[in-house]
Amino acid sequence: MEISSVISAIVIGIVIGVLGRLVVPGRQHIGILWTVVIGIVAAFIGTAIAAGIGVADTDGVDWIEWLIQIALAALGVAALSKVKVRH
């Protein structure tokens, strides 16, 4: 993985985290920093999953990859929010 790919994943991860948070209904009890971290992790994992199923590098916008990443971010935001509420 090249450095430009890592930087792109971080920038996209920030956007993915925010979109994932918007997808989750209700109030989330986590800060913006956790949202960004979840988005970055979701971007990396989502890219790996998309590459594994062969949809990471397509002509045009990789909509399926984005959907996978946003879904993972939403799951991460919802899970961490539930953990934070319990404490």
PDB file of N, CA and C in Angstrom:
ATOM      1  N   MET A   1       0.846  -1.172   0.000  1.00  0.00           N
ATOM      2  CA  MET A   1       0.000   0.000   0.000  1.00  0.00           C
ATOM      3  C   MET A   1       0.891   1.235   0.000  1.00  0.00           C
ATOM      4  N   GLU A   2       0.600   2.149  -0.899  1.00  0.00           N
ATOM      5  CA  GLU A   2       1.381   3.373  -1.027  1.00  0.00           C
ATOM      6  C   GLU A   2       0.921   4.413  -0.018  1.00  0.00           C
ATOM      7  N   ILE A   3       1.780   5.393   0.247  1.00  0.00           N
ATOM      8  CA  ILE A   3       1.454   6.451   1.205  1.00  0.00           C
ATOM      9  C   ILE A   3       0.251   7.261   0.739  1.00  0.00           C
ATOM     10  N   SER A   4       0.135   7.467  -0.563  1.00  0.00           N
ATOM     11  CA  SER A   4      -1.025   8.214  -1.067  1.00  0.00           C
ATOM     12  C   SER A   4      -2.314   7.437  -0.809  1.00  0.00           C
ATOM     13  N   SER A   5      -2.243   6.124  -0.849  1.00  0.00           N
ATOM     14  CA  SER A   5      -3.418   5.301  -0.548  1.00  0.00           C
ATOM     15  C   SER A   5      -3.805   5.425   0.920  1.00  0.00           C
ATOM     16  N   VAL A   6      -2.814   5.476   1.788  1.00  0.00           N
ATOM     17  CA  VAL A   6      -3.079   5.620   3.220  1.00  0.00           C
ATOM     18  C   VAL A   6      -3.694   6.984   3.506  1.00  0.00           C
ATOM     19  N   ILE A   7      -3.143   8.030   2.922  1.00  0.00           N
ATOM     20  CA  ILE A   7      -3.683   9.381   3.122  1.00  0.00           C
ATOM     21  C   ILE A   7      -5.102   9.472   2.573  1.00  0.00           C
ATOM     22  N   SER A   8      -5.323   8.892   1.406  1.00  0.00           N
ATOM     23  CA  SER A   8      -6.673   8.877   0.834  1.00  0.00           C
ATOM     24  C   SER A   8      -7.644   8.142   1.740  1.00  0.00           C
ATOM     25  N   ALA A   9      -7.205   7.017   2.305  1.00  0.00           N
ATOM     26  CA  ALA A   9      -8.068   6.241   3.194  1.00  0.00           C
ATOM     27  C   ALA A   9      -8.425   7.039   4.445  1.00  0.00           C
ATOM     28  N   ILE A  10      -7.491   7.825   4.952  1.00  0.00           N
ATOM     29  CA  ILE A  10      -7.768   8.642   6.139  1.00  0.00           C
ATOM     30  C   ILE A  10      -8.767   9.744   5.811  1.00  0.00           C
ATOM     31  N   VAL A  11      -8.552  10.430   4.698  1.00  0.00           N
ATOM     32  CA  VAL A  11      -9.475  11.503   4.306  1.00  0.00           C
ATOM     33  C   VAL A  11     -10.864  10.928   4.020  1.00  0.00           C
ATOM     34  N   ILE A  12     -10.906   9.848   3.268  1.00  0.00           N
ATOM     35  CA  ILE A  12     -12.185   9.202   2.978  1.00  0.00           C
ATOM     36  C   ILE A  12     -12.792   8.659   4.265  1.00  0.00           C
ATOM     37  N   GLY A  13     -11.953   8.181   5.170  1.00  0.00           N
ATOM     38  CA  GLY A  13     -12.436   7.671   6.450  1.00  0.00           C
ATOM     39  C   GLY A  13     -13.162   8.717   7.272  1.00  0.00           C
ATOM     40  N   ILE A  14     -12.691   9.945   7.206  1.00  0.00           N
ATOM     41  CA  ILE A  14     -13.369  11.036   7.914  1.00  0.00           C
ATOM     42  C   ILE A  14     -14.776  11.215   7.348  1.00  0.00           C
ATOM     43  N   VAL A  15     -14.870  11.228   6.026  1.00  0.00           N
ATOM     44  CA  VAL A  15     -16.181  11.377   5.379  1.00  0.00           C
ATOM     45  C   VAL A  15     -17.057  10.166   5.679  1.00  0.00           C
ATOM     46  N   ILE A  16     -16.482   8.981   5.610  1.00  0.00           N
ATOM     47  CA  ILE A  16     -17.229   7.749   5.868  1.00  0.00           C
ATOM     48  C   ILE A  16     -17.759   7.740   7.307  1.00  0.00           C
ATOM     49  N   GLY A  17     -16.955   8.164   8.257  1.00  0.00           N
ATOM     50  CA  GLY A  17     -17.390   8.204   9.653  1.00  0.00           C
ATOM     51  C   GLY A  17     -18.577   9.130   9.854  1.00  0.00           C
ATOM     52  N   VAL A  18     -18.519  10.292   9.244  1.00  0.00           N
ATOM     53  CA  VAL A  18     -19.627  11.250   9.359  1.00  0.00           C
ATOM     54  C   VAL A  18     -20.881  10.692   8.691  1.00  0.00           C
ATOM     55  N   LEU A  19     -20.721  10.107   7.495  1.00  0.00           N
ATOM     56  CA  LEU A  19     -21.882   9.511   6.812  1.00  0.00           C
ATOM     57  C   LEU A  19     -22.447   8.338   7.608  1.00  0.00           C
ATOM     58  N   GLY A  20     -21.565   7.523   8.180  1.00  0.00           N
ATOM     59  CA  GLY A  20     -22.018   6.402   9.005  1.00  0.00           C
ATOM     60  C   GLY A  20     -22.804   6.886  10.210  1.00  0.00           C
ATOM     61  N   ARG A  21     -22.360   7.986  10.790  1.00  0.00           N
ATOM     62  CA  ARG A  21     -23.074   8.549  11.942  1.00  0.00           C
ATOM     63  C   ARG A  21     -24.443   9.086  11.537  1.00  0.00           C
ATOM     64  N   LEU A  22     -24.522   9.673  10.345  1.00  0.00           N
ATOM     65  CA  LEU A  22     -25.799  10.190   9.863  1.00  0.00           C
ATOM     66  C   LEU A  22     -26.805   9.080   9.561  1.00  0.00           C
ATOM     67  N   VAL A  23     -26.305   7.915   9.199  1.00  0.00           N
ATOM     68  CA  VAL A  23     -27.174   6.787   8.861  1.00  0.00           C
ATOM     69  C   VAL A  23     -27.830   6.193  10.112  1.00  0.00           C
ATOM     70  N   VAL A  24     -27.119   6.224  11.232  1.00  0.00           N
ATOM     71  CA  VAL A  24     -27.631   5.634  12.473  1.00  0.00           C
ATOM     72  C   VAL A  24     -28.714   6.544  13.045  1.00  0.00           C
ATOM     73  N   PRO A  25     -29.915   6.003  13.257  1.00  0.00           N
ATOM     74  CA  PRO A  25     -30.990   6.844  13.798  1.00  0.00           C
ATOM     75  C   PRO A  25     -30.772   7.170  15.278  1.00  0.00           C
ATOM     76  N   GLY A  26     -31.333   8.275  15.694  1.00  0.00           N
ATOM     77  CA  GLY A  26     -31.261   8.666  17.100  1.00  0.00           C
ATOM     78  C   GLY A  26     -29.967   9.387  17.436  1.00  0.00           C
ATOM     79  N   ARG A  27     -29.793   9.612  18.727  1.00  0.00           N
ATOM     80  CA  ARG A  27     -28.618  10.327  19.217  1.00  0.00           C
ATOM     81  C   ARG A  27     -27.517   9.327  19.526  1.00  0.00           C
ATOM     82  N   GLN A  28     -26.304   9.629  19.069  1.00  0.00           N
ATOM     83  CA  GLN A  28     -25.150   8.806  19.391  1.00  0.00           C
ATOM     84  C   GLN A  28     -24.358   9.475  20.508  1.00  0.00           C
ATOM     85  N   HIS A  29     -23.937   8.686  21.447  1.00  0.00           N
ATOM     86  CA  HIS A  29     -23.254   9.218  22.624  1.00  0.00           C
ATOM     87  C   HIS A  29     -21.736   9.066  22.493  1.00  0.00           C
ATOM     88  N   ILE A  30     -21.213   9.435  21.330  1.00  0.00           N
ATOM     89  CA  ILE A  30     -19.768   9.411  21.114  1.00  0.00           C
ATOM     90  C   ILE A  30     -19.360  10.743  20.494  1.00  0.00           C
ATOM     91  N   GLY A  31     -18.113  11.090  20.693  1.00  0.00           N
ATOM     92  CA  GLY A  31     -17.612  12.351  20.166  1.00  0.00           C
ATOM     93  C   GLY A  31     -17.206  12.256  18.703  1.00  0.00           C
ATOM     94  N   ILE A  32     -16.872  13.392  18.141  1.00  0.00           N
ATOM     95  CA  ILE A  32     -16.493  13.450  16.737  1.00  0.00           C
ATOM     96  C   ILE A  32     -15.178  12.711  16.501  1.00  0.00           C
ATOM     97  N   LEU A  33     -14.271  12.713  17.474  1.00  0.00           N
ATOM     98  CA  LEU A  33     -13.000  12.002  17.317  1.00  0.00           C
ATOM     99  C   LEU A  33     -13.237  10.504  17.141  1.00  0.00           C
ATOM    100  N   TRP A  34     -14.122   9.946  17.966  1.00  0.00           N
ATOM    101  CA  TRP A  34     -14.455   8.515  17.815  1.00  0.00           C
ATOM    102  C   TRP A  34     -15.131   8.258  16.478  1.00  0.00           C
ATOM    103  N   THR A  35     -15.941   9.175  16.027  1.00  0.00           N
ATOM    104  CA  THR A  35     -16.601   9.033  14.727  1.00  0.00           C
ATOM    105  C   THR A  35     -15.567   8.974  13.609  1.00  0.00           C
ATOM    106  N   VAL A  36     -14.567   9.837  13.678  1.00  0.00           N
ATOM    107  CA  VAL A  36     -13.511   9.851  12.670  1.00  0.00           C
ATOM    108  C   VAL A  36     -12.693   8.561  12.727  1.00  0.00           C
ATOM    109  N   VAL A  37     -12.340   8.116  13.921  1.00  0.00           N
ATOM    110  CA  VAL A  37     -11.569   6.871  14.065  1.00  0.00           C
ATOM    111  C   VAL A  37     -12.350   5.691  13.492  1.00  0.00           C
ATOM    112  N   ILE A  38     -13.629   5.611  13.809  1.00  0.00           N
ATOM    113  CA  ILE A  38     -14.466   4.539  13.271  1.00  0.00           C
ATOM    114  C   ILE A  38     -14.523   4.618  11.747  1.00  0.00           C
ATOM    115  N   GLY A  39     -14.633   5.825  11.220  1.00  0.00           N
ATOM    116  CA  GLY A  39     -14.668   6.007   9.774  1.00  0.00           C
ATOM    117  C   GLY A  39     -13.383   5.563   9.098  1.00  0.00           C
ATOM    118  N   ILE A  40     -12.249   5.871   9.694  1.00  0.00           N
ATOM    119  CA  ILE A  40     -10.967   5.461   9.127  1.00  0.00           C
ATOM    120  C   ILE A  40     -10.835   3.942   9.138  1.00  0.00           C
ATOM    121  N   VAL A  41     -11.184   3.323  10.263  1.00  0.00           N
ATOM    122  CA  VAL A  41     -11.134   1.862  10.350  1.00  0.00           C
ATOM    123  C   VAL A  41     -12.099   1.237   9.346  1.00  0.00           C
ATOM    124  N   ALA A  42     -13.299   1.788   9.234  1.00  0.00           N
ATOM    125  CA  ALA A  42     -14.294   1.272   8.279  1.00  0.00           C
ATOM    126  C   ALA A  42     -13.804   1.435   6.842  1.00  0.00           C
ATOM    127  N   ALA A  43     -13.094   2.518   6.560  1.00  0.00           N
ATOM    128  CA  ALA A  43     -12.562   2.729   5.207  1.00  0.00           C
ATOM    129  C   ALA A  43     -11.533   1.657   4.864  1.00  0.00           C
ATOM    130  N   PHE A  44     -10.618   1.372   5.791  1.00  0.00           N
ATOM    131  CA  PHE A  44      -9.616   0.341   5.546  1.00  0.00           C
ATOM    132  C   PHE A  44     -10.248  -1.042   5.390  1.00  0.00           C
ATOM    133  N   ILE A  45     -11.129  -1.397   6.314  1.00  0.00           N
ATOM    134  CA  ILE A  45     -11.767  -2.722   6.261  1.00  0.00           C
ATOM    135  C   ILE A  45     -12.677  -2.830   5.044  1.00  0.00           C
ATOM    136  N   GLY A  46     -13.436  -1.778   4.764  1.00  0.00           N
ATOM    137  CA  GLY A  46     -14.324  -1.781   3.609  1.00  0.00           C
ATOM    138  C   GLY A  46     -13.579  -1.928   2.301  1.00  0.00           C
ATOM    139  N   THR A  47     -12.419  -1.276   2.193  1.00  0.00           N
ATOM    140  CA  THR A  47     -11.598  -1.414   0.993  1.00  0.00           C
ATOM    141  C   THR A  47     -11.087  -2.837   0.850  1.00  0.00           C
ATOM    142  N   ALA A  48     -10.674  -3.444   1.953  1.00  0.00           N
ATOM    143  CA  ALA A  48     -10.205  -4.831   1.910  1.00  0.00           C
ATOM    144  C   ALA A  48     -11.330  -5.780   1.493  1.00  0.00           C
ATOM    145  N   ILE A  49     -12.516  -5.575   2.033  1.00  0.00           N
ATOM    146  CA  ILE A  49     -13.662  -6.418   1.668  1.00  0.00           C
ATOM    147  C   ILE A  49     -14.007  -6.226   0.197  1.00  0.00           C
ATOM    148  N   ALA A  50     -14.040  -4.977  -0.254  1.00  0.00           N
ATOM    149  CA  ALA A  50     -14.353  -4.688  -1.659  1.00  0.00           C
ATOM    150  C   ALA A  50     -13.318  -5.322  -2.583  1.00  0.00           C
ATOM    151  N   ALA A  51     -12.048  -5.267  -2.197  1.00  0.00           N
ATOM    152  CA  ALA A  51     -11.006  -5.900  -3.009  1.00  0.00           C
ATOM    153  C   ALA A  51     -11.186  -7.414  -3.018  1.00  0.00           C
ATOM    154  N   GLY A  52     -11.585  -7.962  -1.875  1.00  0.00           N
ATOM    155  CA  GLY A  52     -11.799  -9.402  -1.780  1.00  0.00           C
ATOM    156  C   GLY A  52     -12.918  -9.915  -2.663  1.00  0.00           C
ATOM    157  N   ILE A  53     -13.949  -9.097  -2.845  1.00  0.00           N
ATOM    158  CA  ILE A  53     -15.067  -9.532  -3.695  1.00  0.00           C
ATOM    159  C   ILE A  53     -14.963  -8.963  -5.108  1.00  0.00           C
ATOM    160  N   GLY A  54     -13.869  -8.228  -5.388  1.00  0.00           N
ATOM    161  CA  GLY A  54     -13.597  -7.768  -6.740  1.00  0.00           C
ATOM    162  C   GLY A  54     -14.314  -6.514  -7.193  1.00  0.00           C
ATOM    163  N   VAL A  55     -14.712  -5.664  -6.269  1.00  0.00           N
ATOM    164  CA  VAL A  55     -15.406  -4.430  -6.661  1.00  0.00           C
ATOM    165  C   VAL A  55     -14.653  -3.173  -6.226  1.00  0.00           C
ATOM    166  N   ALA A  56     -13.398  -3.310  -5.847  1.00  0.00           N
ATOM    167  CA  ALA A  56     -12.645  -2.152  -5.353  1.00  0.00           C
ATOM    168  C   ALA A  56     -12.183  -1.242  -6.483  1.00  0.00           C
ATOM    169  N   ASP A  57     -11.823  -1.805  -7.617  1.00  0.00           N
ATOM    170  CA  ASP A  57     -11.313  -1.005  -8.725  1.00  0.00           C
ATOM    171  C   ASP A  57     -12.209  -1.178  -9.938  1.00  0.00           C
ATOM    172  N   THR A  58     -13.172  -0.276 -10.050  1.00  0.00           N
ATOM    173  CA  THR A  58     -14.081  -0.306 -11.191  1.00  0.00           C
ATOM    174  C   THR A  58     -13.960   1.002 -11.953  1.00  0.00           C
ATOM    175  N   ASP A  59     -14.509   1.027 -13.140  1.00  0.00           N
ATOM    176  CA  ASP A  59     -14.530   2.279 -13.902  1.00  0.00           C
ATOM    177  C   ASP A  59     -15.532   3.231 -13.265  1.00  0.00           C
ATOM    178  N   GLY A  60     -15.125   4.448 -13.015  1.00  0.00           N
ATOM    179  CA  GLY A  60     -16.023   5.424 -12.402  1.00  0.00           C
ATOM    180  C   GLY A  60     -15.983   5.357 -10.887  1.00  0.00           C
ATOM    181  N   VAL A  61     -17.079   5.732 -10.279  1.00  0.00           N
ATOM    182  CA  VAL A  61     -17.181   5.770  -8.816  1.00  0.00           C
ATOM    183  C   VAL A  61     -17.434   4.360  -8.298  1.00  0.00           C
ATOM    184  N   ASP A  62     -16.730   3.996  -7.254  1.00  0.00           N
ATOM    185  CA  ASP A  62     -16.882   2.667  -6.648  1.00  0.00           C
ATOM    186  C   ASP A  62     -18.013   2.697  -5.618  1.00  0.00           C
ATOM    187  N   TRP A  63     -19.244   2.712  -6.108  1.00  0.00           N
ATOM    188  CA  TRP A  63     -20.414   2.842  -5.230  1.00  0.00           C
ATOM    189  C   TRP A  63     -20.530   1.689  -4.255  1.00  0.00           C
ATOM    190  N   ILE A  64     -20.261   0.478  -4.704  1.00  0.00           N
ATOM    191  CA  ILE A  64     -20.392  -0.682  -3.817  1.00  0.00           C
ATOM    192  C   ILE A  64     -19.376  -0.589  -2.683  1.00  0.00           C
ATOM    193  N   GLU A  65     -18.162  -0.179  -3.001  1.00  0.00           N
ATOM    194  CA  GLU A  65     -17.137  -0.014  -1.963  1.00  0.00           C
ATOM    195  C   GLU A  65     -17.571   1.042  -0.951  1.00  0.00           C
ATOM    196  N   TRP A  66     -18.106   2.162  -1.431  1.00  0.00           N
ATOM    197  CA  TRP A  66     -18.583   3.216  -0.530  1.00  0.00           C
ATOM    198  C   TRP A  66     -19.699   2.703   0.370  1.00  0.00           C
ATOM    199  N   LEU A  67     -20.627   1.966  -0.203  1.00  0.00           N
ATOM    200  CA  LEU A  67     -21.740   1.431   0.597  1.00  0.00           C
ATOM    201  C   LEU A  67     -21.243   0.477   1.674  1.00  0.00           C
ATOM    202  N   ILE A  68     -20.265  -0.353   1.329  1.00  0.00           N
ATOM    203  CA  ILE A  68     -19.685  -1.267   2.325  1.00  0.00           C
ATOM    204  C   ILE A  68     -19.040  -0.465   3.446  1.00  0.00           C
ATOM    205  N   GLN A  69     -18.269   0.550   3.091  1.00  0.00           N
ATOM    206  CA  GLN A  69     -17.587   1.369   4.087  1.00  0.00           C
ATOM    207  C   GLN A  69     -18.570   2.121   4.979  1.00  0.00           C
ATOM    208  N   ILE A  70     -19.610   2.686   4.392  1.00  0.00           N
ATOM    209  CA  ILE A  70     -20.601   3.423   5.184  1.00  0.00           C
ATOM    210  C   ILE A  70     -21.359   2.474   6.110  1.00  0.00           C
ATOM    211  N   ALA A  71     -21.696   1.290   5.614  1.00  0.00           N
ATOM    212  CA  ALA A  71     -22.390   0.306   6.448  1.00  0.00           C
ATOM    213  C   ALA A  71     -21.511  -0.111   7.634  1.00  0.00           C
ATOM    214  N   LEU A  72     -20.230  -0.344   7.380  1.00  0.00           N
ATOM    215  CA  LEU A  72     -19.319  -0.698   8.471  1.00  0.00           C
ATOM    216  C   LEU A  72     -19.191   0.446   9.478  1.00  0.00           C
ATOM    217  N   ALA A  73     -19.121   1.670   8.988  1.00  0.00           N
ATOM    218  CA  ALA A  73     -19.033   2.829   9.885  1.00  0.00           C
ATOM    219  C   ALA A  73     -20.303   2.964  10.723  1.00  0.00           C
ATOM    220  N   ALA A  74     -21.455   2.757  10.102  1.00  0.00           N
ATOM    221  CA  ALA A  74     -22.723   2.839  10.844  1.00  0.00           C
ATOM    222  C   ALA A  74     -22.768   1.767  11.931  1.00  0.00           C
ATOM    223  N   LEU A  75     -22.344   0.559  11.595  1.00  0.00           N
ATOM    224  CA  LEU A  75     -22.301  -0.512  12.607  1.00  0.00           C
ATOM    225  C   LEU A  75     -21.350  -0.150  13.745  1.00  0.00           C
ATOM    226  N   GLY A  76     -20.189   0.409  13.387  1.00  0.00           N
ATOM    227  CA  GLY A  76     -19.221   0.807  14.411  1.00  0.00           C
ATOM    228  C   GLY A  76     -19.734   1.923  15.305  1.00  0.00           C
ATOM    229  N   VAL A  77     -20.369   2.915  14.713  1.00  0.00           N
ATOM    230  CA  VAL A  77     -20.929   4.030  15.490  1.00  0.00           C
ATOM    231  C   VAL A  77     -22.024   3.516  16.422  1.00  0.00           C
ATOM    232  N   ALA A  78     -22.915   2.682  15.913  1.00  0.00           N
ATOM    233  CA  ALA A  78     -24.000   2.151  16.738  1.00  0.00           C
ATOM    234  C   ALA A  78     -23.460   1.296  17.874  1.00  0.00           C
ATOM    235  N   ALA A  79     -22.473   0.450  17.584  1.00  0.00           N
ATOM    236  CA  ALA A  79     -21.908  -0.426  18.612  1.00  0.00           C
ATOM    237  C   ALA A  79     -21.190   0.375  19.695  1.00  0.00           C
ATOM    238  N   LEU A  80     -20.361   1.326  19.294  1.00  0.00           N
ATOM    239  CA  LEU A  80     -19.631   2.119  20.283  1.00  0.00           C
ATOM    240  C   LEU A  80     -20.578   3.004  21.084  1.00  0.00           C
ATOM    241  N   SER A  81     -21.612   3.511  20.453  1.00  0.00           N
ATOM    242  CA  SER A  81     -22.582   4.330  21.162  1.00  0.00           C
ATOM    243  C   SER A  81     -23.286   3.523  22.249  1.00  0.00           C
ATOM    244  N   LYS A  82     -23.624   2.272  21.944  1.00  0.00           N
ATOM    245  CA  LYS A  82     -24.266   1.411  22.948  1.00  0.00           C
ATOM    246  C   LYS A  82     -23.322   1.111  24.099  1.00  0.00           C
ATOM    247  N   VAL A  83     -22.048   0.886  23.793  1.00  0.00           N
ATOM    248  CA  VAL A  83     -21.069   0.620  24.838  1.00  0.00           C
ATOM    249  C   VAL A  83     -20.890   1.848  25.724  1.00  0.00           C
ATOM    250  N   LYS A  84     -20.849   3.026  25.126  1.00  0.00           N
ATOM    251  CA  LYS A  84     -20.676   4.271  25.897  1.00  0.00           C
ATOM    252  C   LYS A  84     -21.888   4.554  26.787  1.00  0.00           C
ATOM    253  N   VAL A  85     -23.089   4.201  26.345  1.00  0.00           N
ATOM    254  CA  VAL A  85     -24.298   4.441  27.140  1.00  0.00           C
ATOM    255  C   VAL A  85     -24.281   3.584  28.403  1.00  0.00           C
ATOM    256  N   ARG A  86     -23.768   2.377  28.294  1.00  0.00           N
ATOM    257  CA  ARG A  86     -23.750   1.463  29.445  1.00  0.00           C
ATOM    258  C   ARG A  86     -22.805   1.932  30.543  1.00  0.00           C
ATOM    259  N   HIS A  87     -21.779   2.718  30.181  1.00  0.00           N
ATOM    260  CA  HIS A  87     -20.807   3.139  31.185  1.00  0.00           C
ATOM    261  C   HIS A  87     -21.118   4.468  31.726  1.00  0.00           C
TER     262      HIS A  87
END
